[in-house]
């Protein structure tokens, strides 16, 4: 992703948070000045995602967890309620219906 430098100046540094999330789950990512690169290294694994109090990162971590090979913990998951109070209920309903 390029030309996204404004993501560093929002509620949190979303570029660094996204890179940290991917790497924490065993993926490969590196920050650039104005974005980040995802390096294909295989499946995401279990780990802990730090939301940094950002609801978008908390929700991205939950979505990433759906493809992980093990359990994922999201520190600060309750921040998802800022934009979608029933986000985790919706995720649970989606997965329990399959």
N, C-alpha and C. Protein backbone atom coordinates (compact mmCIF):
# COMPACT_ATOMS: atom_id res chain seq x y z
N UNK A 1 0.86 -1.14 0.00
CA UNK A 1 0.00 0.00 0.00
C UNK A 1 0.91 1.22 0.00
N UNK A 2 0.60 2.17 -0.85
CA UNK A 2 1.40 3.39 -0.99
C UNK A 2 0.49 4.63 -0.88
N UNK A 3 1.11 5.77 -0.73
CA UNK A 3 0.41 7.06 -0.67
C UNK A 3 -0.62 7.10 0.46
N UNK A 4 -0.29 6.51 1.59
CA UNK A 4 -1.21 6.45 2.72
C UNK A 4 -0.58 7.06 3.98
N UNK A 5 0.34 7.99 3.79
CA UNK A 5 1.06 8.58 4.92
C UNK A 5 0.15 9.20 5.97
N UNK A 6 -1.05 9.64 5.57
CA UNK A 6 -1.97 10.23 6.54
C UNK A 6 -2.40 9.24 7.61
N UNK A 7 -2.23 7.94 7.35
CA UNK A 7 -2.59 6.93 8.35
C UNK A 7 -1.67 6.96 9.56
N UNK A 8 -0.55 7.63 9.44
CA UNK A 8 0.37 7.76 10.58
C UNK A 8 -0.10 8.85 11.55
N UNK A 9 -0.99 9.73 11.10
CA UNK A 9 -1.37 10.89 11.91
C UNK A 9 -2.81 10.84 12.40
N UNK A 10 -3.43 9.69 12.38
CA UNK A 10 -4.80 9.57 12.85
C UNK A 10 -4.78 9.26 14.35
N UNK A 11 -5.83 8.58 14.86
CA UNK A 11 -5.90 8.26 16.29
C UNK A 11 -4.68 7.47 16.75
N UNK A 12 -4.15 6.66 15.86
CA UNK A 12 -2.94 5.90 16.13
C UNK A 12 -2.18 5.81 14.81
N UNK A 13 -0.95 5.34 14.87
CA UNK A 13 -0.18 5.12 13.64
C UNK A 13 -0.66 3.81 13.05
N UNK A 14 -1.64 3.88 12.18
CA UNK A 14 -2.26 2.67 11.64
C UNK A 14 -1.33 1.88 10.74
N UNK A 15 -0.34 2.54 10.17
CA UNK A 15 0.64 1.80 9.37
C UNK A 15 1.43 0.88 10.29
N UNK A 16 2.00 1.43 11.36
CA UNK A 16 2.78 0.61 12.29
C UNK A 16 1.91 -0.44 12.97
N UNK A 17 0.68 -0.08 13.32
CA UNK A 17 -0.22 -1.04 13.96
C UNK A 17 -0.55 -2.21 13.04
N UNK A 18 -0.76 -1.93 11.78
CA UNK A 18 -1.07 -2.99 10.81
C UNK A 18 0.14 -3.89 10.61
N UNK A 19 1.31 -3.30 10.45
CA UNK A 19 2.53 -4.08 10.29
C UNK A 19 2.76 -4.95 11.53
N UNK A 20 2.60 -4.37 12.71
CA UNK A 20 2.77 -5.13 13.95
C UNK A 20 1.79 -6.28 14.04
N UNK A 21 0.53 -6.04 13.64
CA UNK A 21 -0.50 -7.08 13.67
C UNK A 21 -0.10 -8.26 12.78
N UNK A 22 0.26 -7.97 11.55
CA UNK A 22 0.63 -9.03 10.62
C UNK A 22 1.83 -9.82 11.14
N UNK A 23 2.85 -9.11 11.60
CA UNK A 23 4.05 -9.78 12.11
C UNK A 23 3.77 -10.58 13.38
N UNK A 24 2.90 -10.06 14.25
CA UNK A 24 2.56 -10.77 15.50
C UNK A 24 1.88 -12.10 15.22
N UNK A 25 1.24 -12.20 14.06
CA UNK A 25 0.55 -13.44 13.70
C UNK A 25 1.40 -14.30 12.75
N UNK A 26 2.68 -14.04 12.72
CA UNK A 26 3.59 -14.87 11.94
C UNK A 26 3.66 -14.52 10.47
N UNK A 27 3.00 -13.44 10.08
CA UNK A 27 3.07 -13.01 8.69
C UNK A 27 4.31 -12.17 8.46
N UNK A 28 4.43 -11.64 7.28
CA UNK A 28 5.56 -10.78 6.96
C UNK A 28 5.07 -9.44 6.47
N UNK A 29 5.47 -8.39 7.14
CA UNK A 29 5.09 -7.04 6.73
C UNK A 29 6.18 -6.08 7.14
N UNK A 30 6.32 -5.03 6.36
CA UNK A 30 7.27 -3.99 6.72
C UNK A 30 6.70 -2.63 6.34
N UNK A 31 6.95 -1.67 7.21
CA UNK A 31 6.46 -0.31 6.98
C UNK A 31 7.35 0.40 5.97
N UNK A 32 6.73 1.28 5.22
CA UNK A 32 7.45 2.21 4.36
C UNK A 32 7.08 3.61 4.84
N UNK A 33 7.67 4.62 4.26
CA UNK A 33 7.39 5.98 4.70
C UNK A 33 5.91 6.33 4.57
N UNK A 34 5.28 5.87 3.51
CA UNK A 34 3.89 6.26 3.25
C UNK A 34 2.95 5.06 3.10
N UNK A 35 3.31 3.94 3.73
CA UNK A 35 2.45 2.77 3.63
C UNK A 35 3.13 1.54 4.20
N UNK A 36 2.86 0.40 3.60
CA UNK A 36 3.49 -0.84 4.05
C UNK A 36 3.47 -1.86 2.93
N UNK A 37 4.30 -2.88 3.09
CA UNK A 37 4.36 -4.00 2.16
C UNK A 37 4.05 -5.27 2.93
N UNK A 38 3.23 -6.11 2.34
CA UNK A 38 2.94 -7.43 2.91
C UNK A 38 3.74 -8.44 2.11
N UNK A 39 4.48 -9.27 2.80
CA UNK A 39 5.31 -10.28 2.16
C UNK A 39 4.64 -11.63 2.36
N UNK A 40 4.35 -12.32 1.29
CA UNK A 40 3.70 -13.62 1.40
C UNK A 40 4.63 -14.65 2.02
N UNK A 41 4.29 -15.10 3.22
CA UNK A 41 5.12 -16.10 3.91
C UNK A 41 4.31 -17.33 4.29
N UNK A 42 3.06 -17.40 3.87
CA UNK A 42 2.23 -18.55 4.22
C UNK A 42 1.05 -18.12 5.06
N UNK A 43 0.56 -19.02 5.89
CA UNK A 43 -0.62 -18.77 6.72
C UNK A 43 -0.29 -17.93 7.93
N UNK A 44 -1.28 -17.20 8.41
CA UNK A 44 -1.13 -16.51 9.69
C UNK A 44 -1.25 -17.55 10.80
N UNK A 45 -0.61 -17.29 11.92
CA UNK A 45 -0.58 -18.22 13.04
C UNK A 45 -1.25 -17.60 14.26
N UNK A 46 -1.19 -18.30 15.37
CA UNK A 46 -1.73 -17.74 16.61
C UNK A 46 -0.82 -16.64 17.12
N UNK A 47 -1.39 -15.76 17.93
CA UNK A 47 -0.61 -14.68 18.50
C UNK A 47 -1.50 -13.65 19.14
N UNK A 48 -0.90 -12.54 19.53
CA UNK A 48 -1.64 -11.45 20.16
C UNK A 48 -1.52 -10.20 19.31
N UNK A 49 -2.67 -9.60 19.01
CA UNK A 49 -2.73 -8.36 18.26
C UNK A 49 -2.96 -7.23 19.25
N UNK A 50 -2.15 -6.19 19.17
CA UNK A 50 -2.31 -5.00 19.99
C UNK A 50 -3.13 -4.00 19.19
N UNK A 51 -4.32 -3.67 19.65
CA UNK A 51 -5.19 -2.76 18.90
C UNK A 51 -4.76 -1.30 19.00
N UNK A 52 -3.92 -0.98 19.96
CA UNK A 52 -3.49 0.41 20.20
C UNK A 52 -4.69 1.32 20.41
N UNK A 53 -5.80 0.76 20.90
CA UNK A 53 -7.00 1.54 21.16
C UNK A 53 -7.74 1.96 19.91
N UNK A 54 -7.36 1.41 18.77
CA UNK A 54 -7.97 1.78 17.48
C UNK A 54 -8.97 0.71 17.06
N UNK A 55 -10.22 1.11 16.91
CA UNK A 55 -11.27 0.16 16.58
C UNK A 55 -11.01 -0.52 15.24
N UNK A 56 -10.40 0.15 14.30
CA UNK A 56 -10.13 -0.46 12.99
C UNK A 56 -9.11 -1.58 13.11
N UNK A 57 -8.10 -1.40 13.94
CA UNK A 57 -7.08 -2.43 14.12
C UNK A 57 -7.68 -3.61 14.87
N UNK A 58 -8.52 -3.36 15.86
CA UNK A 58 -9.19 -4.44 16.59
C UNK A 58 -10.03 -5.29 15.64
N UNK A 59 -10.78 -4.64 14.76
CA UNK A 59 -11.62 -5.39 13.82
C UNK A 59 -10.77 -6.10 12.77
N UNK A 60 -9.69 -5.46 12.31
CA UNK A 60 -8.80 -6.10 11.35
C UNK A 60 -8.17 -7.35 11.97
N UNK A 61 -7.82 -7.26 13.25
CA UNK A 61 -7.26 -8.42 13.94
C UNK A 61 -8.25 -9.57 14.01
N UNK A 62 -9.51 -9.24 14.23
CA UNK A 62 -10.55 -10.28 14.28
C UNK A 62 -10.74 -10.93 12.92
N UNK A 63 -10.71 -10.13 11.88
CA UNK A 63 -10.84 -10.69 10.53
C UNK A 63 -9.61 -11.55 10.21
N UNK A 64 -8.43 -11.09 10.58
CA UNK A 64 -7.21 -11.87 10.36
C UNK A 64 -7.29 -13.20 11.12
N UNK A 65 -7.88 -13.18 12.30
CA UNK A 65 -7.99 -14.39 13.11
C UNK A 65 -8.80 -15.48 12.41
N UNK A 66 -9.71 -15.08 11.54
CA UNK A 66 -10.54 -16.09 10.87
C UNK A 66 -9.71 -16.96 9.94
N UNK A 67 -8.54 -16.49 9.52
CA UNK A 67 -7.68 -17.28 8.65
C UNK A 67 -6.44 -17.79 9.34
N UNK A 68 -6.31 -17.57 10.64
CA UNK A 68 -5.13 -18.00 11.37
C UNK A 68 -5.21 -19.48 11.72
N UNK A 69 -4.05 -20.10 11.87
CA UNK A 69 -4.00 -21.53 12.17
C UNK A 69 -4.17 -21.84 13.65
N UNK A 70 -4.24 -20.82 14.49
CA UNK A 70 -4.42 -21.01 15.92
C UNK A 70 -5.15 -19.83 16.52
N UNK A 71 -5.33 -19.84 17.85
CA UNK A 71 -6.08 -18.78 18.50
C UNK A 71 -5.36 -17.43 18.43
N UNK A 72 -6.16 -16.38 18.33
CA UNK A 72 -5.64 -15.01 18.28
C UNK A 72 -6.29 -14.23 19.41
N UNK A 73 -5.48 -13.55 20.19
CA UNK A 73 -5.95 -12.66 21.25
C UNK A 73 -5.83 -11.23 20.74
N UNK A 74 -6.87 -10.44 20.98
CA UNK A 74 -6.84 -9.04 20.56
C UNK A 74 -6.87 -8.17 21.80
N UNK A 75 -5.72 -7.58 22.13
CA UNK A 75 -5.64 -6.68 23.29
C UNK A 75 -6.35 -5.38 22.92
N UNK A 76 -7.31 -5.00 23.73
CA UNK A 76 -8.09 -3.80 23.44
C UNK A 76 -9.21 -4.04 22.45
N UNK A 77 -9.69 -5.27 22.39
CA UNK A 77 -10.76 -5.63 21.44
C UNK A 77 -12.01 -4.80 21.66
N UNK A 78 -12.25 -4.36 22.88
CA UNK A 78 -13.46 -3.59 23.17
C UNK A 78 -13.51 -2.26 22.42
N UNK A 79 -12.39 -1.82 21.87
CA UNK A 79 -12.39 -0.58 21.09
C UNK A 79 -13.21 -0.70 19.81
N UNK A 80 -13.49 -1.92 19.36
CA UNK A 80 -14.31 -2.12 18.15
C UNK A 80 -15.70 -1.51 18.32
N UNK A 81 -16.15 -1.40 19.55
CA UNK A 81 -17.49 -0.86 19.82
C UNK A 81 -17.64 0.60 19.42
N UNK A 82 -16.53 1.29 19.23
CA UNK A 82 -16.59 2.71 18.82
C UNK A 82 -17.35 2.85 17.51
N UNK A 83 -17.09 1.97 16.56
CA UNK A 83 -17.75 2.09 15.26
C UNK A 83 -18.80 1.01 15.01
N UNK A 84 -18.71 -0.10 15.75
CA UNK A 84 -19.67 -1.19 15.53
C UNK A 84 -19.84 -1.92 16.86
N UNK A 85 -20.77 -1.47 17.68
CA UNK A 85 -20.92 -2.04 19.03
C UNK A 85 -21.14 -3.56 19.05
N UNK A 86 -21.75 -4.11 18.02
CA UNK A 86 -22.02 -5.55 18.01
C UNK A 86 -21.14 -6.31 17.02
N UNK A 87 -19.97 -5.77 16.75
CA UNK A 87 -19.06 -6.38 15.79
C UNK A 87 -18.75 -7.84 16.13
N UNK A 88 -18.37 -8.10 17.36
CA UNK A 88 -17.98 -9.47 17.72
C UNK A 88 -19.18 -10.42 17.74
N UNK A 89 -20.35 -9.90 18.05
CA UNK A 89 -21.56 -10.72 17.93
C UNK A 89 -21.81 -11.09 16.47
N UNK A 90 -21.62 -10.13 15.58
CA UNK A 90 -21.79 -10.40 14.15
C UNK A 90 -20.77 -11.42 13.65
N UNK A 91 -19.53 -11.30 14.10
CA UNK A 91 -18.49 -12.27 13.71
C UNK A 91 -18.85 -13.67 14.22
N UNK A 92 -19.30 -13.73 15.45
CA UNK A 92 -19.68 -15.02 16.05
C UNK A 92 -20.84 -15.64 15.27
N UNK A 93 -21.84 -14.84 14.94
CA UNK A 93 -22.99 -15.34 14.19
C UNK A 93 -22.56 -15.84 12.81
N UNK A 94 -21.66 -15.11 12.18
CA UNK A 94 -21.17 -15.52 10.87
C UNK A 94 -20.50 -16.88 10.94
N UNK A 95 -19.62 -17.05 11.92
CA UNK A 95 -18.88 -18.31 12.01
C UNK A 95 -19.70 -19.46 12.57
N UNK A 96 -20.67 -19.17 13.43
CA UNK A 96 -21.47 -20.27 13.97
C UNK A 96 -22.49 -20.76 12.96
N UNK A 97 -22.76 -19.98 11.92
CA UNK A 97 -23.72 -20.40 10.90
C UNK A 97 -23.10 -21.30 9.84
N UNK A 98 -21.81 -21.50 9.90
CA UNK A 98 -21.15 -22.32 8.88
C UNK A 98 -20.98 -23.73 9.31
